[in-house]
Amino acid sequence: MNTPAKKVIVHFYRKDGCHLCDDMARGLAESMREWSESGELDSDCEYEIIGRDIEDDPRWYRRYREYVPVLVVDGREICHYFLDKDDLKEALQKAPPCK
């Protein structure tokens, strides 16, 4: 019997029409694929990216309107405006439950 995979959630705060958001989305997808294929991420973990349009929730809008796009892992903001691949990889490697 297989045990269920552990899951790490990456929240990706963005808004429609934001070219920086589109750039970060592409870089995020490419980086996740690269790290998974190279074994730099825990293969026992599932990494899920949840996109959140800040215009869907007034709290998100108030918090992030000046900073989109924003990546959050384990409740900690990792980067905004531009993808910081090193900080993201470190956060994913250390995120519970994959420590």
N, C-alpha and C. Protein backbone atom coordinates (compact mmCIF):
# COMPACT_ATOMS: atom_id res chain seq x y z
N MET A 1 0.84 -1.18 0.00
CA MET A 1 0.00 0.00 0.00
C MET A 1 0.89 1.25 0.00
N ASN A 2 0.62 2.16 -0.89
CA ASN A 2 1.39 3.40 -0.98
C ASN A 2 0.91 4.39 0.07
N THR A 3 1.88 5.07 0.70
CA THR A 3 1.50 6.13 1.63
C THR A 3 1.24 7.40 0.84
N PRO A 4 0.31 8.21 1.30
CA PRO A 4 0.02 9.43 0.57
C PRO A 4 1.23 10.36 0.55
N ALA A 5 1.37 11.08 -0.54
CA ALA A 5 2.47 12.03 -0.67
C ALA A 5 2.25 13.19 0.28
N LYS A 6 3.34 13.70 0.80
CA LYS A 6 3.28 14.93 1.59
C LYS A 6 3.11 16.07 0.60
N LYS A 7 2.50 17.15 1.06
CA LYS A 7 2.20 18.24 0.14
C LYS A 7 2.74 19.56 0.69
N VAL A 8 3.38 20.30 -0.20
CA VAL A 8 3.80 21.67 0.09
C VAL A 8 3.03 22.58 -0.86
N ILE A 9 2.40 23.59 -0.29
CA ILE A 9 1.58 24.51 -1.08
C ILE A 9 2.37 25.80 -1.33
N VAL A 10 2.38 26.23 -2.58
CA VAL A 10 2.94 27.52 -2.97
C VAL A 10 1.76 28.39 -3.39
N HIS A 11 1.53 29.48 -2.67
CA HIS A 11 0.48 30.42 -3.07
C HIS A 11 1.11 31.47 -3.98
N PHE A 12 0.49 31.65 -5.12
CA PHE A 12 0.97 32.58 -6.14
C PHE A 12 -0.08 33.67 -6.30
N TYR A 13 0.18 34.82 -5.69
CA TYR A 13 -0.74 35.96 -5.77
C TYR A 13 -0.42 36.77 -7.03
N ARG A 14 -1.45 37.02 -7.81
CA ARG A 14 -1.30 37.67 -9.10
C ARG A 14 -2.55 38.44 -9.44
N LYS A 15 -2.54 39.12 -10.57
CA LYS A 15 -3.76 39.73 -11.09
C LYS A 15 -3.72 39.69 -12.61
N ASP A 16 -4.90 39.73 -13.20
CA ASP A 16 -5.01 39.70 -14.66
C ASP A 16 -4.36 40.93 -15.27
N GLY A 17 -3.74 40.73 -16.42
CA GLY A 17 -3.15 41.83 -17.16
C GLY A 17 -1.79 42.27 -16.64
N CYS A 18 -1.21 41.51 -15.75
CA CYS A 18 0.07 41.85 -15.13
C CYS A 18 1.19 41.08 -15.85
N HIS A 19 2.02 41.78 -16.61
CA HIS A 19 3.08 41.08 -17.36
C HIS A 19 4.13 40.48 -16.41
N LEU A 20 4.38 41.10 -15.27
CA LEU A 20 5.32 40.51 -14.30
C LEU A 20 4.76 39.20 -13.76
N CYS A 21 3.44 39.15 -13.60
CA CYS A 21 2.81 37.91 -13.13
C CYS A 21 2.99 36.79 -14.16
N ASP A 22 2.80 37.13 -15.42
CA ASP A 22 2.97 36.14 -16.48
C ASP A 22 4.42 35.65 -16.53
N ASP A 23 5.37 36.57 -16.38
CA ASP A 23 6.79 36.19 -16.38
C ASP A 23 7.11 35.27 -15.21
N MET A 24 6.59 35.61 -14.02
CA MET A 24 6.87 34.78 -12.85
C MET A 24 6.23 33.41 -12.99
N ALA A 25 5.03 33.35 -13.55
CA ALA A 25 4.36 32.06 -13.74
C ALA A 25 5.19 31.14 -14.64
N ARG A 26 5.73 31.69 -15.72
CA ARG A 26 6.57 30.88 -16.62
C ARG A 26 7.84 30.42 -15.90
N GLY A 27 8.50 31.34 -15.21
CA GLY A 27 9.72 30.98 -14.49
C GLY A 27 9.47 29.97 -13.38
N LEU A 28 8.35 30.10 -12.70
CA LEU A 28 7.99 29.17 -11.64
C LEU A 28 7.78 27.77 -12.20
N ALA A 29 7.02 27.67 -13.27
CA ALA A 29 6.76 26.36 -13.89
C ALA A 29 8.05 25.72 -14.38
N GLU A 30 8.90 26.50 -15.03
CA GLU A 30 10.17 25.97 -15.53
C GLU A 30 11.07 25.51 -14.39
N SER A 31 11.15 26.31 -13.33
CA SER A 31 12.01 25.96 -12.19
C SER A 31 11.52 24.71 -11.49
N MET A 32 10.22 24.61 -11.26
CA MET A 32 9.67 23.43 -10.58
C MET A 32 9.95 22.17 -11.40
N ARG A 33 9.78 22.26 -12.71
CA ARG A 33 10.04 21.11 -13.58
C ARG A 33 11.52 20.73 -13.52
N GLU A 34 12.39 21.72 -13.62
CA GLU A 34 13.83 21.49 -13.58
C GLU A 34 14.26 20.84 -12.26
N TRP A 35 13.80 21.38 -11.15
CA TRP A 35 14.19 20.86 -9.84
C TRP A 35 13.64 19.47 -9.58
N SER A 36 12.44 19.20 -10.08
CA SER A 36 11.87 17.86 -9.92
C SER A 36 12.67 16.84 -10.72
N GLU A 37 12.98 17.19 -11.96
CA GLU A 37 13.72 16.27 -12.83
C GLU A 37 15.14 16.03 -12.33
N SER A 38 15.76 17.04 -11.73
CA SER A 38 17.15 16.91 -11.28
C SER A 38 17.26 16.31 -9.89
N GLY A 39 16.14 16.13 -9.21
CA GLY A 39 16.17 15.56 -7.86
C GLY A 39 16.49 16.58 -6.77
N GLU A 40 16.44 17.85 -7.09
CA GLU A 40 16.73 18.88 -6.09
C GLU A 40 15.57 19.10 -5.12
N LEU A 41 14.40 18.57 -5.45
CA LEU A 41 13.26 18.63 -4.54
C LEU A 41 12.94 17.22 -4.07
N ASP A 42 12.38 17.10 -2.89
CA ASP A 42 12.04 15.83 -2.27
C ASP A 42 11.01 15.11 -3.14
N SER A 43 11.39 13.94 -3.64
CA SER A 43 10.48 13.20 -4.52
C SER A 43 9.30 12.60 -3.76
N ASP A 44 9.37 12.57 -2.44
CA ASP A 44 8.25 12.08 -1.63
C ASP A 44 7.21 13.17 -1.38
N CYS A 45 7.49 14.37 -1.83
CA CYS A 45 6.58 15.50 -1.64
C CYS A 45 5.86 15.82 -2.94
N GLU A 46 4.65 16.30 -2.75
CA GLU A 46 3.90 16.87 -3.87
C GLU A 46 3.94 18.38 -3.68
N TYR A 47 4.30 19.09 -4.72
CA TYR A 47 4.37 20.55 -4.67
C TYR A 47 3.22 21.10 -5.50
N GLU A 48 2.32 21.81 -4.84
CA GLU A 48 1.14 22.33 -5.52
C GLU A 48 1.20 23.86 -5.54
N ILE A 49 1.01 24.41 -6.73
CA ILE A 49 0.96 25.86 -6.88
C ILE A 49 -0.50 26.28 -6.99
N ILE A 50 -0.91 27.15 -6.08
CA ILE A 50 -2.28 27.64 -6.08
C ILE A 50 -2.26 29.11 -6.47
N GLY A 51 -2.81 29.41 -7.63
CA GLY A 51 -2.89 30.78 -8.10
C GLY A 51 -4.05 31.50 -7.43
N ARG A 52 -3.78 32.72 -6.99
CA ARG A 52 -4.81 33.53 -6.35
C ARG A 52 -4.82 34.91 -6.98
N ASP A 53 -5.94 35.25 -7.60
CA ASP A 53 -6.10 36.58 -8.17
C ASP A 53 -6.44 37.53 -7.02
N ILE A 54 -5.62 38.54 -6.81
CA ILE A 54 -5.82 39.42 -5.66
C ILE A 54 -7.14 40.19 -5.76
N GLU A 55 -7.70 40.29 -6.94
CA GLU A 55 -8.97 41.00 -7.09
C GLU A 55 -10.16 40.16 -6.66
N ASP A 56 -9.92 38.87 -6.31
CA ASP A 56 -11.00 37.99 -5.84
C ASP A 56 -11.27 38.12 -4.35
N ASP A 57 -10.37 38.77 -3.62
CA ASP A 57 -10.53 38.86 -2.17
C ASP A 57 -9.99 40.22 -1.70
N PRO A 58 -10.81 41.00 -1.02
CA PRO A 58 -10.37 42.33 -0.58
C PRO A 58 -9.13 42.29 0.32
N ARG A 59 -8.99 41.24 1.11
CA ARG A 59 -7.80 41.13 1.99
C ARG A 59 -6.54 40.94 1.16
N TRP A 60 -6.62 40.09 0.16
CA TRP A 60 -5.45 39.89 -0.71
C TRP A 60 -5.13 41.17 -1.45
N TYR A 61 -6.16 41.86 -1.91
CA TYR A 61 -5.94 43.10 -2.65
C TYR A 61 -5.24 44.14 -1.78
N ARG A 62 -5.74 44.34 -0.56
CA ARG A 62 -5.12 45.31 0.34
C ARG A 62 -3.67 44.94 0.64
N ARG A 63 -3.42 43.68 0.83
CA ARG A 63 -2.07 43.25 1.23
C ARG A 63 -1.06 43.27 0.07
N TYR A 64 -1.49 42.87 -1.11
CA TYR A 64 -0.54 42.62 -2.20
C TYR A 64 -0.65 43.54 -3.41
N ARG A 65 -1.58 44.47 -3.42
CA ARG A 65 -1.82 45.24 -4.65
C ARG A 65 -0.58 45.95 -5.18
N GLU A 66 0.32 46.36 -4.32
CA GLU A 66 1.54 47.06 -4.75
C GLU A 66 2.71 46.11 -5.00
N TYR A 67 2.51 44.82 -4.76
CA TYR A 67 3.63 43.89 -4.78
C TYR A 67 3.49 42.73 -5.75
N VAL A 68 2.36 42.59 -6.43
CA VAL A 68 2.19 41.42 -7.30
C VAL A 68 3.21 41.41 -8.42
N PRO A 69 3.62 40.23 -8.79
CA PRO A 69 3.26 38.94 -8.23
C PRO A 69 4.03 38.65 -6.93
N VAL A 70 3.43 37.78 -6.11
CA VAL A 70 4.03 37.40 -4.84
C VAL A 70 3.94 35.88 -4.69
N LEU A 71 5.05 35.26 -4.25
CA LEU A 71 5.05 33.83 -3.92
C LEU A 71 5.15 33.68 -2.42
N VAL A 72 4.30 32.80 -1.87
CA VAL A 72 4.28 32.53 -0.44
C VAL A 72 4.38 31.02 -0.24
N VAL A 73 5.33 30.61 0.60
CA VAL A 73 5.51 29.20 0.96
C VAL A 73 5.48 29.11 2.48
N ASP A 74 4.63 28.24 2.99
CA ASP A 74 4.54 28.02 4.43
C ASP A 74 4.29 29.33 5.18
N GLY A 75 3.44 30.20 4.60
CA GLY A 75 3.09 31.45 5.23
C GLY A 75 4.13 32.55 5.14
N ARG A 76 5.23 32.28 4.45
CA ARG A 76 6.31 33.26 4.35
C ARG A 76 6.43 33.76 2.92
N GLU A 77 6.45 35.08 2.76
CA GLU A 77 6.64 35.66 1.44
C GLU A 77 8.06 35.38 0.99
N ILE A 78 8.19 34.79 -0.17
CA ILE A 78 9.49 34.40 -0.71
C ILE A 78 10.03 35.47 -1.65
N CYS A 79 9.19 35.98 -2.52
CA CYS A 79 9.63 37.01 -3.45
C CYS A 79 8.42 37.72 -4.02
N HIS A 80 8.65 38.92 -4.52
CA HIS A 80 7.62 39.64 -5.24
C HIS A 80 8.27 40.37 -6.41
N TYR A 81 7.45 40.73 -7.37
CA TYR A 81 7.84 41.33 -8.65
C TYR A 81 8.57 40.35 -9.56
N PHE A 82 9.68 39.78 -9.07
CA PHE A 82 10.50 38.88 -9.88
C PHE A 82 10.80 37.60 -9.11
N LEU A 83 10.89 36.50 -9.83
CA LEU A 83 11.16 35.21 -9.22
C LEU A 83 12.59 35.16 -8.69
N ASP A 84 12.72 34.84 -7.42
CA ASP A 84 14.03 34.59 -6.81
C ASP A 84 14.17 33.08 -6.68
N LYS A 85 14.79 32.47 -7.67
CA LYS A 85 14.86 31.01 -7.73
C LYS A 85 15.59 30.41 -6.54
N ASP A 86 16.66 31.05 -6.09
CA ASP A 86 17.42 30.51 -4.97
C ASP A 86 16.59 30.51 -3.69
N ASP A 87 15.93 31.63 -3.40
CA ASP A 87 15.09 31.70 -2.19
C ASP A 87 13.92 30.74 -2.26
N LEU A 88 13.32 30.60 -3.45
CA LEU A 88 12.20 29.69 -3.60
C LEU A 88 12.64 28.25 -3.38
N LYS A 89 13.74 27.85 -4.01
CA LYS A 89 14.20 26.47 -3.85
C LYS A 89 14.52 26.16 -2.39
N GLU A 90 15.17 27.09 -1.72
CA GLU A 90 15.48 26.90 -0.30
C GLU A 90 14.20 26.76 0.53
N ALA A 91 13.22 27.60 0.26
CA ALA A 91 11.95 27.53 1.00
C ALA A 91 11.23 26.21 0.75
N LEU A 92 11.26 25.73 -0.48
CA LEU A 92 10.61 24.45 -0.79
C LEU A 92 11.33 23.29 -0.12
N GLN A 93 12.64 23.34 -0.08
CA GLN A 93 13.41 22.26 0.53
C GLN A 93 13.21 22.21 2.04
N LYS A 94 12.94 23.35 2.66
CA LYS A 94 12.78 23.42 4.11
C LYS A 94 11.35 23.40 4.59
N ALA A 95 10.40 23.49 3.66
CA ALA A 95 8.99 23.60 4.05
C ALA A 95 8.50 22.32 4.72
N PRO A 96 7.77 22.47 5.81
CA PRO A 96 7.11 21.29 6.37
C PRO A 96 6.02 20.87 5.40
N PRO A 97 5.70 19.66 5.23
CA PRO A 97 6.21 18.51 5.99
C PRO A 97 7.42 17.85 5.34
N CYS A 98 8.10 18.53 4.46
CA CYS A 98 9.18 17.90 3.70
C CYS A 98 10.57 18.14 4.29
N LYS A 99 10.67 18.68 5.49
CA LYS A 99 11.99 18.92 6.07
C LYS A 99 12.76 17.64 6.22
